[in-house]
Amino acid sequence: MGPEASVLRIEALVAAGDHTAAERAARSFLQANPQSPYTQRIETLLRGPNP
């Protein structure tokens, strides 16, 4: 799976409310791609919306 597809998967998991799976997928992605330009986007997704 390419990086864009991985980020979309994480977004879908967050949107579906499956935060455990989203965190697992994000952790796996970030370990494999520590310098990814998507790092900030993934971290923002995991933090959730700001009030």
N, C-alpha and C. Protein backbone atom coordinates (compact mmCIF):
# COMPACT_ATOMS: atom_id res chain seq x y z
N MET A 1 0.85 -1.17 0.00
CA MET A 1 0.00 0.00 0.00
C MET A 1 0.90 1.23 0.00
N GLY A 2 0.56 2.19 -0.86
CA GLY A 2 1.34 3.41 -0.93
C GLY A 2 1.03 4.33 0.24
N PRO A 3 1.86 5.34 0.44
CA PRO A 3 1.67 6.24 1.59
C PRO A 3 0.33 6.97 1.56
N GLU A 4 -0.12 7.39 0.39
CA GLU A 4 -1.41 8.09 0.31
C GLU A 4 -2.54 7.17 0.75
N ALA A 5 -2.49 5.92 0.31
CA ALA A 5 -3.53 4.95 0.68
C ALA A 5 -3.50 4.68 2.18
N SER A 6 -2.31 4.64 2.75
CA SER A 6 -2.19 4.41 4.19
C SER A 6 -2.82 5.55 4.98
N VAL A 7 -2.57 6.77 4.53
CA VAL A 7 -3.14 7.94 5.21
C VAL A 7 -4.66 7.93 5.07
N LEU A 8 -5.16 7.61 3.90
CA LEU A 8 -6.61 7.52 3.70
C LEU A 8 -7.22 6.46 4.60
N ARG A 9 -6.53 5.35 4.77
CA ARG A 9 -7.02 4.29 5.66
C ARG A 9 -7.09 4.79 7.10
N ILE A 10 -6.07 5.49 7.53
CA ILE A 10 -6.06 6.05 8.89
C ILE A 10 -7.20 7.05 9.05
N GLU A 11 -7.39 7.90 8.04
CA GLU A 11 -8.50 8.87 8.08
C GLU A 11 -9.84 8.14 8.20
N ALA A 12 -10.02 7.09 7.43
CA ALA A 12 -11.28 6.33 7.46
C ALA A 12 -11.50 5.68 8.82
N LEU A 13 -10.45 5.15 9.42
CA LEU A 13 -10.57 4.53 10.73
C LEU A 13 -10.96 5.56 11.79
N VAL A 14 -10.35 6.73 11.72
CA VAL A 14 -10.69 7.80 12.67
C VAL A 14 -12.15 8.22 12.46
N ALA A 15 -12.55 8.40 11.21
CA ALA A 15 -13.92 8.82 10.91
C ALA A 15 -14.94 7.78 11.38
N ALA A 16 -14.56 6.51 11.32
CA ALA A 16 -15.45 5.44 11.76
C ALA A 16 -15.45 5.26 13.28
N GLY A 17 -14.57 6.01 13.95
CA GLY A 17 -14.51 5.93 15.41
C GLY A 17 -13.66 4.79 15.93
N ASP A 18 -12.90 4.15 15.06
CA ASP A 18 -12.05 3.02 15.47
C ASP A 18 -10.65 3.56 15.78
N HIS A 19 -10.56 4.25 16.91
CA HIS A 19 -9.31 4.92 17.26
C HIS A 19 -8.18 3.94 17.58
N THR A 20 -8.52 2.78 18.11
CA THR A 20 -7.49 1.78 18.40
C THR A 20 -6.82 1.33 17.11
N ALA A 21 -7.62 1.00 16.11
CA ALA A 21 -7.07 0.56 14.82
C ALA A 21 -6.34 1.71 14.13
N ALA A 22 -6.87 2.93 14.25
CA ALA A 22 -6.22 4.09 13.64
C ALA A 22 -4.85 4.32 14.25
N GLU A 23 -4.76 4.23 15.57
CA GLU A 23 -3.47 4.41 16.24
C GLU A 23 -2.49 3.32 15.85
N ARG A 24 -2.97 2.09 15.76
CA ARG A 24 -2.11 0.97 15.37
C ARG A 24 -1.58 1.19 13.95
N ALA A 25 -2.46 1.56 13.02
CA ALA A 25 -2.06 1.80 11.64
C ALA A 25 -1.11 2.99 11.54
N ALA A 26 -1.39 4.04 12.31
CA ALA A 26 -0.52 5.22 12.30
C ALA A 26 0.86 4.90 12.85
N ARG A 27 0.91 4.18 13.94
CA ARG A 27 2.19 3.80 14.53
C ARG A 27 3.02 2.98 13.54
N SER A 28 2.37 2.03 12.89
CA SER A 28 3.04 1.20 11.90
C SER A 28 3.56 2.04 10.73
N PHE A 29 2.72 2.94 10.24
CA PHE A 29 3.12 3.81 9.14
C PHE A 29 4.30 4.68 9.52
N LEU A 30 4.22 5.31 10.69
CA LEU A 30 5.28 6.23 11.11
C LEU A 30 6.60 5.51 11.41
N GLN A 31 6.53 4.27 11.87
CA GLN A 31 7.75 3.50 12.07
C GLN A 31 8.41 3.17 10.75
N ALA A 32 7.61 2.87 9.74
CA ALA A 32 8.13 2.53 8.43
C ALA A 32 8.54 3.77 7.63
N ASN A 33 7.95 4.91 7.95
CA ASN A 33 8.18 6.15 7.19
C ASN A 33 8.41 7.33 8.13
N PRO A 34 9.47 7.29 8.92
CA PRO A 34 9.66 8.34 9.94
C PRO A 34 9.84 9.75 9.39
N GLN A 35 10.26 9.88 8.15
CA GLN A 35 10.47 11.21 7.57
C GLN A 35 9.36 11.59 6.59
N SER A 36 8.24 10.92 6.67
CA SER A 36 7.15 11.14 5.73
C SER A 36 6.59 12.55 5.84
N PRO A 37 6.24 13.14 4.70
CA PRO A 37 5.58 14.44 4.75
C PRO A 37 4.16 14.36 5.33
N TYR A 38 3.66 13.15 5.53
CA TYR A 38 2.33 12.95 6.10
C TYR A 38 2.34 12.86 7.62
N THR A 39 3.50 12.92 8.23
CA THR A 39 3.61 12.76 9.68
C THR A 39 2.71 13.74 10.43
N GLN A 40 2.77 15.01 10.08
CA GLN A 40 1.96 16.01 10.78
C GLN A 40 0.48 15.75 10.58
N ARG A 41 0.08 15.38 9.38
CA ARG A 41 -1.34 15.09 9.11
C ARG A 41 -1.83 13.93 9.97
N ILE A 42 -1.02 12.88 10.08
CA ILE A 42 -1.41 11.72 10.87
C ILE A 42 -1.51 12.09 12.35
N GLU A 43 -0.55 12.84 12.84
CA GLU A 43 -0.60 13.25 14.24
C GLU A 43 -1.83 14.11 14.52
N THR A 44 -2.19 14.97 13.58
CA THR A 44 -3.39 15.80 13.73
C THR A 44 -4.64 14.94 13.75
N LEU A 45 -4.70 13.95 12.89
CA LEU A 45 -5.85 13.04 12.87
C LEU A 45 -6.01 12.33 14.20
N LEU A 46 -4.92 11.89 14.77
CA LEU A 46 -4.99 11.13 16.03
C LEU A 46 -5.37 12.02 17.21
N ARG A 47 -5.00 13.29 17.16
CA ARG A 47 -5.35 14.21 18.25
C ARG A 47 -6.83 14.55 18.23
N GLY A 48 -7.44 14.47 17.06
CA GLY A 48 -8.86 14.80 16.96
C GLY A 48 -9.07 16.29 16.78
N PRO A 49 -10.33 16.69 16.70
CA PRO A 49 -10.64 18.10 16.47
C PRO A 49 -10.32 18.94 17.70
N ASN A 50 -9.90 20.16 17.42
CA ASN A 50 -9.66 21.12 18.51
C ASN A 50 -10.97 21.80 18.86
N PRO A 51 -11.22 22.01 20.15
CA PRO A 51 -12.48 22.67 20.55
C PRO A 51 -12.53 24.12 20.12
